[in-house]
């Protein structure tokens, strides 16, 4: 006997995996986690700018652009909601304030 033929696949069924994949991706999106990641990234940027300024000072090449970048970072600084990250971010912001004050006093 000839093998049974496969039933035709309707276009709607062919799209099902894509739709399920999209729903899974949407369900796994966590806005709170994304917000914490942005806040951590912003704090890391503050540390990077401090490190950049430190290297420039050690090399005798501290410039106004580095200080301006730190000042702009501080102006946009927001304390994160996460208590652990907030404590760390406040320490970074305080260090930025100290560095800016030191360089302002040295002018």
PDB file of N, CA and C in Angstrom:
ATOM      1  N   UNK A   1       0.837  -1.186   0.000  1.00  0.00           N
ATOM      2  CA  UNK A   1       0.000   0.000   0.000  1.00  0.00           C
ATOM      3  C   UNK A   1       0.883   1.251   0.000  1.00  0.00           C
ATOM      4  N   UNK A   2       0.429   2.309  -0.651  1.00  0.00           N
ATOM      5  CA  UNK A   2       1.214   3.547  -0.694  1.00  0.00           C
ATOM      6  C   UNK A   2       1.211   4.220   0.682  1.00  0.00           C
ATOM      7  N   UNK A   3       2.313   4.929   1.009  1.00  0.00           N
ATOM      8  CA  UNK A   3       2.376   5.586   2.323  1.00  0.00           C
ATOM      9  C   UNK A   3       1.321   6.674   2.416  1.00  0.00           C
ATOM     10  N   UNK A   4       0.772   6.844   3.612  1.00  0.00           N
ATOM     11  CA  UNK A   4      -0.253   7.883   3.757  1.00  0.00           C
ATOM     12  C   UNK A   4       0.383   9.260   3.531  1.00  0.00           C
ATOM     13  N   UNK A   5      -0.346  10.095   2.870  1.00  0.00           N
ATOM     14  CA  UNK A   5       0.190  11.434   2.608  1.00  0.00           C
ATOM     15  C   UNK A   5      -0.046  12.315   3.829  1.00  0.00           C
ATOM     16  N   UNK A   6       0.846  13.280   4.002  1.00  0.00           N
ATOM     17  CA  UNK A   6       0.721  14.208   5.126  1.00  0.00           C
ATOM     18  C   UNK A   6      -0.402  15.170   4.850  1.00  0.00           C
ATOM     19  N   UNK A   7      -1.148  15.518   5.878  1.00  0.00           N
ATOM     20  CA  UNK A   7      -2.203  16.500   5.664  1.00  0.00           C
ATOM     21  C   UNK A   7      -1.563  17.855   5.351  1.00  0.00           C
ATOM     22  N   UNK A   8      -2.203  18.653   4.540  1.00  0.00           N
ATOM     23  CA  UNK A   8      -1.639  19.965   4.217  1.00  0.00           C
ATOM     24  C   UNK A   8      -1.554  20.836   5.476  1.00  0.00           C
ATOM     25  N   UNK A   9      -0.505  21.628   5.530  1.00  0.00           N
ATOM     26  CA  UNK A   9      -0.294  22.519   6.669  1.00  0.00           C
ATOM     27  C   UNK A   9      -0.880  23.870   6.315  1.00  0.00           C
ATOM     28  N   UNK A  10      -1.748  24.333   7.180  1.00  0.00           N
ATOM     29  CA  UNK A  10      -2.354  25.638   6.910  1.00  0.00           C
ATOM     30  C   UNK A  10      -1.366  26.734   7.271  1.00  0.00           C
ATOM     31  N   UNK A  11      -1.439  27.908   6.626  1.00  0.00           N
ATOM     32  CA  UNK A  11      -0.516  29.004   6.931  1.00  0.00           C
ATOM     33  C   UNK A  11      -0.563  29.424   8.397  1.00  0.00           C
ATOM     34  N   UNK A  12      -1.708  29.341   9.027  1.00  0.00           N
ATOM     35  CA  UNK A  12      -1.818  29.726  10.438  1.00  0.00           C
ATOM     36  C   UNK A  12      -0.987  28.830  11.333  1.00  0.00           C
ATOM     37  N   UNK A  13      -0.937  27.531  11.041  1.00  0.00           N
ATOM     38  CA  UNK A  13      -0.141  26.614  11.840  1.00  0.00           C
ATOM     39  C   UNK A  13       1.348  26.835  11.611  1.00  0.00           C
ATOM     40  N   UNK A  14       1.721  27.222  10.411  1.00  0.00           N
ATOM     41  CA  UNK A  14       3.131  27.450  10.124  1.00  0.00           C
ATOM     42  C   UNK A  14       3.659  28.635  10.929  1.00  0.00           C
ATOM     43  N   UNK A  15       2.806  29.566  11.275  1.00  0.00           N
ATOM     44  CA  UNK A  15       3.225  30.744  12.024  1.00  0.00           C
ATOM     45  C   UNK A  15       3.220  30.505  13.534  1.00  0.00           C
ATOM     46  N   UNK A  16       2.642  29.436  13.994  1.00  0.00           N
ATOM     47  CA  UNK A  16       2.499  29.204  15.428  1.00  0.00           C
ATOM     48  C   UNK A  16       3.820  29.256  16.197  1.00  0.00           C
ATOM     49  N   UNK A  17       4.891  28.584  15.733  1.00  0.00           N
ATOM     50  CA  UNK A  17       6.135  28.656  16.504  1.00  0.00           C
ATOM     51  C   UNK A  17       6.653  30.091  16.653  1.00  0.00           C
ATOM     52  N   UNK A  18       6.527  30.884  15.615  1.00  0.00           N
ATOM     53  CA  UNK A  18       6.982  32.267  15.700  1.00  0.00           C
ATOM     54  C   UNK A  18       6.160  33.014  16.736  1.00  0.00           C
ATOM     55  N   UNK A  19       4.869  32.826  16.719  1.00  0.00           N
ATOM     56  CA  UNK A  19       3.995  33.497  17.671  1.00  0.00           C
ATOM     57  C   UNK A  19       4.303  33.040  19.091  1.00  0.00           C
ATOM     58  N   UNK A  20       4.499  31.760  19.281  1.00  0.00           N
ATOM     59  CA  UNK A  20       4.828  31.233  20.601  1.00  0.00           C
ATOM     60  C   UNK A  20       6.176  31.798  21.057  1.00  0.00           C
ATOM     61  N   UNK A  21       7.139  31.865  20.147  1.00  0.00           N
ATOM     62  CA  UNK A  21       8.451  32.410  20.497  1.00  0.00           C
ATOM     63  C   UNK A  21       8.334  33.872  20.911  1.00  0.00           C
ATOM     64  N   UNK A  22       7.503  34.616  20.201  1.00  0.00           N
ATOM     65  CA  UNK A  22       7.311  36.022  20.560  1.00  0.00           C
ATOM     66  C   UNK A  22       6.665  36.142  21.934  1.00  0.00           C
ATOM     67  N   UNK A  23       5.656  35.324  22.194  1.00  0.00           N
ATOM     68  CA  UNK A  23       4.992  35.358  23.496  1.00  0.00           C
ATOM     69  C   UNK A  23       5.955  34.979  24.617  1.00  0.00           C
ATOM     70  N   UNK A  24       6.810  34.000  24.359  1.00  0.00           N
ATOM     71  CA  UNK A  24       7.799  33.591  25.361  1.00  0.00           C
ATOM     72  C   UNK A  24       8.775  34.735  25.633  1.00  0.00           C
ATOM     73  N   UNK A  25       9.212  35.400  24.589  1.00  0.00           N
ATOM     74  CA  UNK A  25      10.142  36.520  24.755  1.00  0.00           C
ATOM     75  C   UNK A  25       9.485  37.654  25.524  1.00  0.00           C
ATOM     76  N   UNK A  26       8.231  37.927  25.206  1.00  0.00           N
ATOM     77  CA  UNK A  26       7.520  38.997  25.903  1.00  0.00           C
ATOM     78  C   UNK A  26       7.327  38.643  27.374  1.00  0.00           C
ATOM     79  N   UNK A  27       7.045  37.376  27.644  1.00  0.00           N
ATOM     80  CA  UNK A  27       6.819  36.943  29.022  1.00  0.00           C
ATOM     81  C   UNK A  27       8.110  36.993  29.833  1.00  0.00           C
ATOM     82  N   UNK A  28       9.238  36.769  29.164  1.00  0.00           N
ATOM     83  CA  UNK A  28      10.505  36.766  29.897  1.00  0.00           C
ATOM     84  C   UNK A  28      11.066  38.167  30.090  1.00  0.00           C
ATOM     85  N   UNK A  29      10.503  39.154  29.423  1.00  0.00           N
ATOM     86  CA  UNK A  29      10.972  40.534  29.598  1.00  0.00           C
ATOM     87  C   UNK A  29      10.606  41.002  31.001  1.00  0.00           C
ATOM     88  N   UNK A  30      11.583  41.513  31.691  1.00  0.00           N
ATOM     89  CA  UNK A  30      11.378  41.971  33.064  1.00  0.00           C
ATOM     90  C   UNK A  30      11.795  43.431  33.145  1.00  0.00           C
ATOM     91  N   UNK A  31      10.832  44.345  33.114  1.00  0.00           N
ATOM     92  CA  UNK A  31      11.180  45.768  33.137  1.00  0.00           C
ATOM     93  C   UNK A  31      11.993  46.162  34.370  1.00  0.00           C
ATOM     94  N   UNK A  32      11.711  45.549  35.507  1.00  0.00           N
ATOM     95  CA  UNK A  32      12.449  45.869  36.735  1.00  0.00           C
ATOM     96  C   UNK A  32      13.912  45.452  36.595  1.00  0.00           C
ATOM     97  N   UNK A  33      14.131  44.268  36.024  1.00  0.00           N
ATOM     98  CA  UNK A  33      15.502  43.787  35.818  1.00  0.00           C
ATOM     99  C   UNK A  33      16.228  44.697  34.836  1.00  0.00           C
ATOM    100  N   UNK A  34      15.533  45.108  33.781  1.00  0.00           N
ATOM    101  CA  UNK A  34      16.132  46.012  32.801  1.00  0.00           C
ATOM    102  C   UNK A  34      16.488  47.348  33.444  1.00  0.00           C
ATOM    103  N   UNK A  35      15.631  47.840  34.322  1.00  0.00           N
ATOM    104  CA  UNK A  35      15.894  49.114  35.007  1.00  0.00           C
ATOM    105  C   UNK A  35      17.113  48.992  35.915  1.00  0.00           C
ATOM    106  N   UNK A  36      17.205  47.874  36.650  1.00  0.00           N
ATOM    107  CA  UNK A  36      18.376  47.660  37.513  1.00  0.00           C
ATOM    108  C   UNK A  36      19.651  47.577  36.678  1.00  0.00           C
ATOM    109  N   UNK A  37      19.565  46.924  35.535  1.00  0.00           N
ATOM    110  CA  UNK A  37      20.736  46.814  34.659  1.00  0.00           C
ATOM    111  C   UNK A  37      21.165  48.187  34.151  1.00  0.00           C
ATOM    112  N   UNK A  38      20.195  49.040  33.797  1.00  0.00           N
ATOM    113  CA  UNK A  38      20.530  50.402  33.348  1.00  0.00           C
ATOM    114  C   UNK A  38      21.178  51.196  34.472  1.00  0.00           C
ATOM    115  N   UNK A  39      20.641  51.066  35.682  1.00  0.00           N
ATOM    116  CA  UNK A  39      21.199  51.785  36.825  1.00  0.00           C
ATOM    117  C   UNK A  39      22.621  51.296  37.125  1.00  0.00           C
ATOM    118  N   UNK A  40      22.831  49.997  37.065  1.00  0.00           N
ATOM    119  CA  UNK A  40      24.171  49.451  37.298  1.00  0.00           C
ATOM    120  C   UNK A  40      25.129  49.932  36.216  1.00  0.00           C
ATOM    121  N   UNK A  41      24.653  49.968  34.994  1.00  0.00           N
ATOM    122  CA  UNK A  41      25.477  50.449  33.887  1.00  0.00           C
ATOM    123  C   UNK A  41      25.836  51.915  34.075  1.00  0.00           C
ATOM    124  N   UNK A  42      24.889  52.702  34.545  1.00  0.00           N
ATOM    125  CA  UNK A  42      25.146  54.121  34.776  1.00  0.00           C
ATOM    126  C   UNK A  42      26.184  54.299  35.884  1.00  0.00           C
ATOM    127  N   UNK A  43      26.084  53.511  36.941  1.00  0.00           N
ATOM    128  CA  UNK A  43      27.072  53.577  38.020  1.00  0.00           C
ATOM    129  C   UNK A  43      28.450  53.164  37.504  1.00  0.00           C
ATOM    130  N   UNK A  44      28.481  52.133  36.682  1.00  0.00           N
ATOM    131  CA  UNK A  44      29.750  51.686  36.101  1.00  0.00           C
ATOM    132  C   UNK A  44      30.358  52.783  35.229  1.00  0.00           C
ATOM    133  N   UNK A  45      29.527  53.541  34.556  1.00  0.00           N
ATOM    134  CA  UNK A  45      30.022  54.653  33.736  1.00  0.00           C
ATOM    135  C   UNK A  45      30.684  55.707  34.629  1.00  0.00           C
ATOM    136  N   UNK A  46      30.104  55.974  35.789  1.00  0.00           N
ATOM    137  CA  UNK A  46      30.715  56.909  36.733  1.00  0.00           C
ATOM    138  C   UNK A  46      32.095  56.441  37.169  1.00  0.00           C
ATOM    139  N   UNK A  47      32.224  55.147  37.453  1.00  0.00           N
ATOM    140  CA  UNK A  47      33.520  54.587  37.842  1.00  0.00           C
ATOM    141  C   UNK A  47      34.508  54.712  36.683  1.00  0.00           C
ATOM    142  N   UNK A  48      34.043  54.418  35.481  1.00  0.00           N
ATOM    143  CA  UNK A  48      34.905  54.525  34.295  1.00  0.00           C
ATOM    144  C   UNK A  48      35.415  55.957  34.123  1.00  0.00           C
ATOM    145  N   UNK A  49      34.527  56.935  34.293  1.00  0.00           N
ATOM    146  CA  UNK A  49      34.930  58.336  34.148  1.00  0.00           C
ATOM    147  C   UNK A  49      35.927  58.742  35.235  1.00  0.00           C
ATOM    148  N   UNK A  50      35.718  58.249  36.459  1.00  0.00           N
ATOM    149  CA  UNK A  50      36.680  58.519  37.536  1.00  0.00           C
ATOM    150  C   UNK A  50      38.045  57.917  37.207  1.00  0.00           C
ATOM    151  N   UNK A  51      38.040  56.693  36.707  1.00  0.00           N
ATOM    152  CA  UNK A  51      39.286  56.024  36.349  1.00  0.00           C
ATOM    153  C   UNK A  51      39.997  56.772  35.221  1.00  0.00           C
ATOM    154  N   UNK A  52      39.235  57.215  34.253  1.00  0.00           N
ATOM    155  CA  UNK A  52      39.801  57.969  33.130  1.00  0.00           C
ATOM    156  C   UNK A  52      40.455  59.260  33.637  1.00  0.00           C
ATOM    157  N   UNK A  53      39.778  59.956  34.546  1.00  0.00           N
ATOM    158  CA  UNK A  53      40.340  61.179  35.116  1.00  0.00           C
ATOM    159  C   UNK A  53      41.612  60.864  35.901  1.00  0.00           C
ATOM    160  N   UNK A  54      41.579  59.805  36.686  1.00  0.00           N
ATOM    161  CA  UNK A  54      42.752  59.421  37.480  1.00  0.00           C
ATOM    162  C   UNK A  54      43.956  59.154  36.575  1.00  0.00           C
ATOM    163  N   UNK A  55      43.741  58.378  35.509  1.00  0.00           N
ATOM    164  CA  UNK A  55      44.842  58.092  34.583  1.00  0.00           C
ATOM    165  C   UNK A  55      45.376  59.369  33.946  1.00  0.00           C
ATOM    166  N   UNK A  56      44.486  60.290  33.613  1.00  0.00           N
ATOM    167  CA  UNK A  56      44.907  61.558  33.009  1.00  0.00           C
ATOM    168  C   UNK A  56      45.711  62.391  34.007  1.00  0.00           C
ATOM    169  N   UNK A  57      45.271  62.427  35.256  1.00  0.00           N
ATOM    170  CA  UNK A  57      45.986  63.193  36.287  1.00  0.00           C
ATOM    171  C   UNK A  57      47.379  62.606  36.507  1.00  0.00           C
ATOM    172  N   UNK A  58      47.466  61.287  36.603  1.00  0.00           N
ATOM    173  CA  UNK A  58      48.756  60.624  36.810  1.00  0.00           C
ATOM    174  C   UNK A  58      49.704  60.924  35.647  1.00  0.00           C
ATOM    175  N   UNK A  59      49.162  60.980  34.446  1.00  0.00           N
ATOM    176  CA  UNK A  59      49.981  61.267  33.262  1.00  0.00           C
ATOM    177  C   UNK A  59      50.233  62.762  33.088  1.00  0.00           C
ATOM    178  N   UNK A  60      49.654  63.573  33.968  1.00  0.00           N
ATOM    179  CA  UNK A  60      49.816  65.019  33.859  1.00  0.00           C
ATOM    180  C   UNK A  60      49.013  65.622  32.729  1.00  0.00           C
ATOM    181  N   UNK A  61      47.945  64.935  32.339  1.00  0.00           N
ATOM    182  CA  UNK A  61      47.149  65.375  31.194  1.00  0.00           C
ATOM    183  C   UNK A  61      45.678  65.588  31.536  1.00  0.00           C
ATOM    184  N   UNK A  62      45.370  65.930  32.773  1.00  0.00           N
ATOM    185  CA  UNK A  62      43.969  66.157  33.150  1.00  0.00           C
ATOM    186  C   UNK A  62      43.411  67.281  32.289  1.00  0.00           C
ATOM    187  N   UNK A  63      42.245  67.041  31.728  1.00  0.00           N
ATOM    188  CA  UNK A  63      41.664  68.041  30.831  1.00  0.00           C
ATOM    189  C   UNK A  63      40.253  68.409  31.254  1.00  0.00           C
ATOM    190  N   UNK A  64      39.799  69.513  30.733  1.00  0.00           N
ATOM    191  CA  UNK A  64      38.462  70.008  31.067  1.00  0.00           C
ATOM    192  C   UNK A  64      37.377  69.052  30.581  1.00  0.00           C
ATOM    193  N   UNK A  65      37.637  68.327  29.500  1.00  0.00           N
ATOM    194  CA  UNK A  65      36.623  67.410  28.958  1.00  0.00           C
ATOM    195  C   UNK A  65      36.309  66.288  29.948  1.00  0.00           C
ATOM    196  N   UNK A  66      37.336  65.764  30.613  1.00  0.00           N
ATOM    197  CA  UNK A  66      37.113  64.701  31.607  1.00  0.00           C
ATOM    198  C   UNK A  66      36.297  65.222  32.779  1.00  0.00           C
ATOM    199  N   UNK A  67      36.626  66.414  33.225  1.00  0.00           N
ATOM    200  CA  UNK A  67      35.881  67.021  34.333  1.00  0.00           C
ATOM    201  C   UNK A  67      34.448  67.324  33.920  1.00  0.00           C
ATOM    202  N   UNK A  68      34.269  67.782  32.692  1.00  0.00           N
ATOM    203  CA  UNK A  68      32.924  68.075  32.187  1.00  0.00           C
ATOM    204  C   UNK A  68      32.092  66.797  32.108  1.00  0.00           C
ATOM    205  N   UNK A  69      32.708  65.708  31.641  1.00  0.00           N
ATOM    206  CA  UNK A  69      31.996  64.426  31.550  1.00  0.00           C
ATOM    207  C   UNK A  69      31.552  63.962  32.934  1.00  0.00           C
ATOM    208  N   UNK A  70      32.418  64.115  33.932  1.00  0.00           N
ATOM    209  CA  UNK A  70      32.047  63.748  35.306  1.00  0.00           C
ATOM    210  C   UNK A  70      30.922  64.628  35.825  1.00  0.00           C
ATOM    211  N   UNK A  71      31.012  65.905  35.546  1.00  0.00           N
ATOM    212  CA  UNK A  71      29.977  66.841  35.988  1.00  0.00           C
ATOM    213  C   UNK A  71      28.624  66.494  35.364  1.00  0.00           C
ATOM    214  N   UNK A  72      28.633  66.176  34.078  1.00  0.00           N
ATOM    215  CA  UNK A  72      27.388  65.797  33.394  1.00  0.00           C
ATOM    216  C   UNK A  72      26.842  64.493  33.943  1.00  0.00           C
ATOM    217  N   UNK A  73      27.741  63.543  34.244  1.00  0.00           N
ATOM    218  CA  UNK A  73      27.291  62.279  34.823  1.00  0.00           C
ATOM    219  C   UNK A  73      26.597  62.548  36.152  1.00  0.00           C
ATOM    220  N   UNK A  74      27.205  63.406  36.968  1.00  0.00           N
ATOM    221  CA  UNK A  74      26.646  63.712  38.288  1.00  0.00           C
ATOM    222  C   UNK A  74      25.291  64.406  38.171  1.00  0.00           C
ATOM    223  N   UNK A  75      25.151  65.291  37.206  1.00  0.00           N
ATOM    224  CA  UNK A  75      23.866  65.988  37.004  1.00  0.00           C
ATOM    225  C   UNK A  75      22.748  65.010  36.661  1.00  0.00           C
ATOM    226  N   UNK A  76      23.064  63.969  35.911  1.00  0.00           N
ATOM    227  CA  UNK A  76      22.055  62.988  35.515  1.00  0.00           C
ATOM    228  C   UNK A  76      21.925  61.826  36.478  1.00  0.00           C
ATOM    229  N   UNK A  77      22.682  61.850  37.559  1.00  0.00           N
ATOM    230  CA  UNK A  77      22.702  60.741  38.514  1.00  0.00           C
ATOM    231  C   UNK A  77      21.354  60.574  39.202  1.00  0.00           C
ATOM    232  N   UNK A  78      20.889  59.334  39.265  1.00  0.00           N
ATOM    233  CA  UNK A  78      19.672  58.977  40.003  1.00  0.00           C
ATOM    234  C   UNK A  78      20.011  57.826  40.935  1.00  0.00           C
ATOM    235  N   UNK A  79      19.541  57.905  42.152  1.00  0.00           N
ATOM    236  CA  UNK A  79      19.772  56.822  43.110  1.00  0.00           C
ATOM    237  C   UNK A  79      18.907  55.632  42.703  1.00  0.00           C
ATOM    238  N   UNK A  80      19.520  54.463  42.514  1.00  0.00           N
ATOM    239  CA  UNK A  80      18.757  53.268  42.136  1.00  0.00           C
ATOM    240  C   UNK A  80      17.782  52.839  43.230  1.00  0.00           C
ATOM    241  N   UNK A  81      16.751  52.104  42.837  1.00  0.00           N
ATOM    242  CA  UNK A  81      15.764  51.580  43.785  1.00  0.00           C
ATOM    243  C   UNK A  81      16.344  50.460  44.649  1.00  0.00           C
ATOM    244  N   UNK A  82      17.202  49.650  44.064  1.00  0.00           N
ATOM    245  CA  UNK A  82      17.793  48.522  44.772  1.00  0.00           C
ATOM    246  C   UNK A  82      18.701  49.047  45.890  1.00  0.00           C
ATOM    247  N   UNK A  83      18.470  48.651  47.154  1.00  0.00           N
ATOM    248  CA  UNK A  83      19.235  49.207  48.274  1.00  0.00           C
ATOM    249  C   UNK A  83      20.744  48.964  48.180  1.00  0.00           C
ATOM    250  N   UNK A  84      21.147  47.785  47.720  1.00  0.00           N
ATOM    251  CA  UNK A  84      22.576  47.484  47.619  1.00  0.00           C
ATOM    252  C   UNK A  84      23.229  48.327  46.529  1.00  0.00           C
ATOM    253  N   UNK A  85      22.571  48.398  45.398  1.00  0.00           N
ATOM    254  CA  UNK A  85      23.086  49.205  44.293  1.00  0.00           C
ATOM    255  C   UNK A  85      23.041  50.691  44.647  1.00  0.00           C
ATOM    256  N   UNK A  86      22.028  51.101  45.403  1.00  0.00           N
ATOM    257  CA  UNK A  86      21.903  52.509  45.802  1.00  0.00           C
ATOM    258  C   UNK A  86      23.081  52.932  46.673  1.00  0.00           C
ATOM    259  N   UNK A  87      23.471  52.088  47.617  1.00  0.00           N
ATOM    260  CA  UNK A  87      24.602  52.419  48.494  1.00  0.00           C
ATOM    261  C   UNK A  87      25.881  52.569  47.682  1.00  0.00           C
ATOM    262  N   UNK A  88      26.104  51.663  46.772  1.00  0.00           N
ATOM    263  CA  UNK A  88      27.292  51.725  45.924  1.00  0.00           C
ATOM    264  C   UNK A  88      27.252  52.956  45.020  1.00  0.00           C
ATOM    265  N   UNK A  89      26.099  53.220  44.435  1.00  0.00           N
ATOM    266  CA  UNK A  89      25.956  54.371  43.536  1.00  0.00           C
ATOM    267  C   UNK A  89      26.177  55.684  44.288  1.00  0.00           C
ATOM    268  N   UNK A  90      25.692  55.764  45.521  1.00  0.00           N
ATOM    269  CA  UNK A  90      25.916  56.978  46.329  1.00  0.00           C
ATOM    270  C   UNK A  90      27.406  57.177  46.615  1.00  0.00           C
ATOM    271  N   UNK A  91      28.113  56.075  46.884  1.00  0.00           N
ATOM    272  CA  UNK A  91      29.563  56.165  47.109  1.00  0.00           C
ATOM    273  C   UNK A  91      30.278  56.678  45.863  1.00  0.00           C
ATOM    274  N   UNK A  92      29.861  56.198  44.709  1.00  0.00           N
ATOM    275  CA  UNK A  92      30.462  56.649  43.449  1.00  0.00           C
ATOM    276  C   UNK A  92      30.170  58.133  43.241  1.00  0.00           C
ATOM    277  N   UNK A  93      28.930  58.535  43.462  1.00  0.00           N
ATOM    278  CA  UNK A  93      28.555  59.945  43.286  1.00  0.00           C
ATOM    279  C   UNK A  93      29.336  60.836  44.249  1.00  0.00           C
ATOM    280  N   UNK A  94      29.522  60.382  45.481  1.00  0.00           N
ATOM    281  CA  UNK A  94      30.298  61.156  46.456  1.00  0.00           C
ATOM    282  C   UNK A  94      31.742  61.314  45.982  1.00  0.00           C
ATOM    283  N   UNK A  95      32.310  60.246  45.463  1.00  0.00           N
ATOM    284  CA  UNK A  95      33.693  60.314  44.964  1.00  0.00           C
ATOM    285  C   UNK A  95      33.789  61.285  43.787  1.00  0.00           C
ATOM    286  N   UNK A  96      32.789  61.283  42.924  1.00  0.00           N
ATOM    287  CA  UNK A  96      32.764  62.225  41.802  1.00  0.00           C
ATOM    288  C   UNK A  96      32.712  63.652  42.335  1.00  0.00           C
ATOM    289  N   UNK A  97      31.860  63.896  43.332  1.00  0.00           N
ATOM    290  CA  UNK A  97      31.761  65.238  43.924  1.00  0.00           C
ATOM    291  C   UNK A  97      33.101  65.684  44.507  1.00  0.00           C
ATOM    292  N   UNK A  98      33.788  64.770  45.186  1.00  0.00           N
ATOM    293  CA  UNK A  98      35.090  65.086  45.780  1.00  0.00           C
ATOM    294  C   UNK A  98      36.097  65.440  44.690  1.00  0.00           C
ATOM    295  N   UNK A  99      36.151  64.637  43.639  1.00  0.00           N
ATOM    296  CA  UNK A  99      37.102  64.910  42.554  1.00  0.00           C
ATOM    297  C   UNK A  99      36.807  66.244  41.880  1.00  0.00           C
ATOM    298  N   UNK A 100      35.544  66.511  41.632  1.00  0.00           N
ATOM    299  CA  UNK A 100      35.186  67.791  41.008  1.00  0.00           C
ATOM    300  C   UNK A 100      35.569  68.959  41.917  1.00  0.00           C
ATOM    301  N   UNK A 101      35.338  68.820  43.219  1.00  0.00           N
ATOM    302  CA  UNK A 101      35.690  69.883  44.167  1.00  0.00           C
ATOM    303  C   UNK A 101      37.203  70.080  44.231  1.00  0.00           C
ATOM    304  N   UNK A 102      37.963  68.980  44.220  1.00  0.00           N
ATOM    305  CA  UNK A 102      39.426  69.088  44.248  1.00  0.00           C
ATOM    306  C   UNK A 102      39.937  69.856  43.036  1.00  0.00           C
ATOM    307  N   UNK A 103      39.400  69.540  41.886  1.00  0.00           N
ATOM    308  CA  UNK A 103      39.877  70.193  40.662  1.00  0.00           C
ATOM    309  C   UNK A 103      39.384  71.630  40.570  1.00  0.00           C
ATOM    310  N   UNK A 104      38.218  71.888  41.141  1.00  0.00           N
ATOM    311  CA  UNK A 104      37.704  73.265  41.171  1.00  0.00           C
ATOM    312  C   UNK A 104      38.575  74.117  42.095  1.00  0.00           C
ATOM    313  N   UNK A 105      38.972  73.554  43.223  1.00  0.00           N
ATOM    314  CA  UNK A 105      39.807  74.288  44.181  1.00  0.00           C
ATOM    315  C   UNK A 105      41.211  74.520  43.631  1.00  0.00           C
ATOM    316  N   UNK A 106      41.664  73.619  42.754  1.00  0.00           N
ATOM    317  CA  UNK A 106      43.011  73.734  42.203  1.00  0.00           C
ATOM    318  C   UNK A 106      43.134  74.711  41.052  1.00  0.00           C
ATOM    319  N   UNK A 107      42.037  75.300  40.632  1.00  0.00           N
ATOM    320  CA  UNK A 107      42.091  76.232  39.490  1.00  0.00           C
ATOM    321  C   UNK A 107      42.684  77.539  39.889  1.00  0.00           C
TER     322      UNK A 107
END
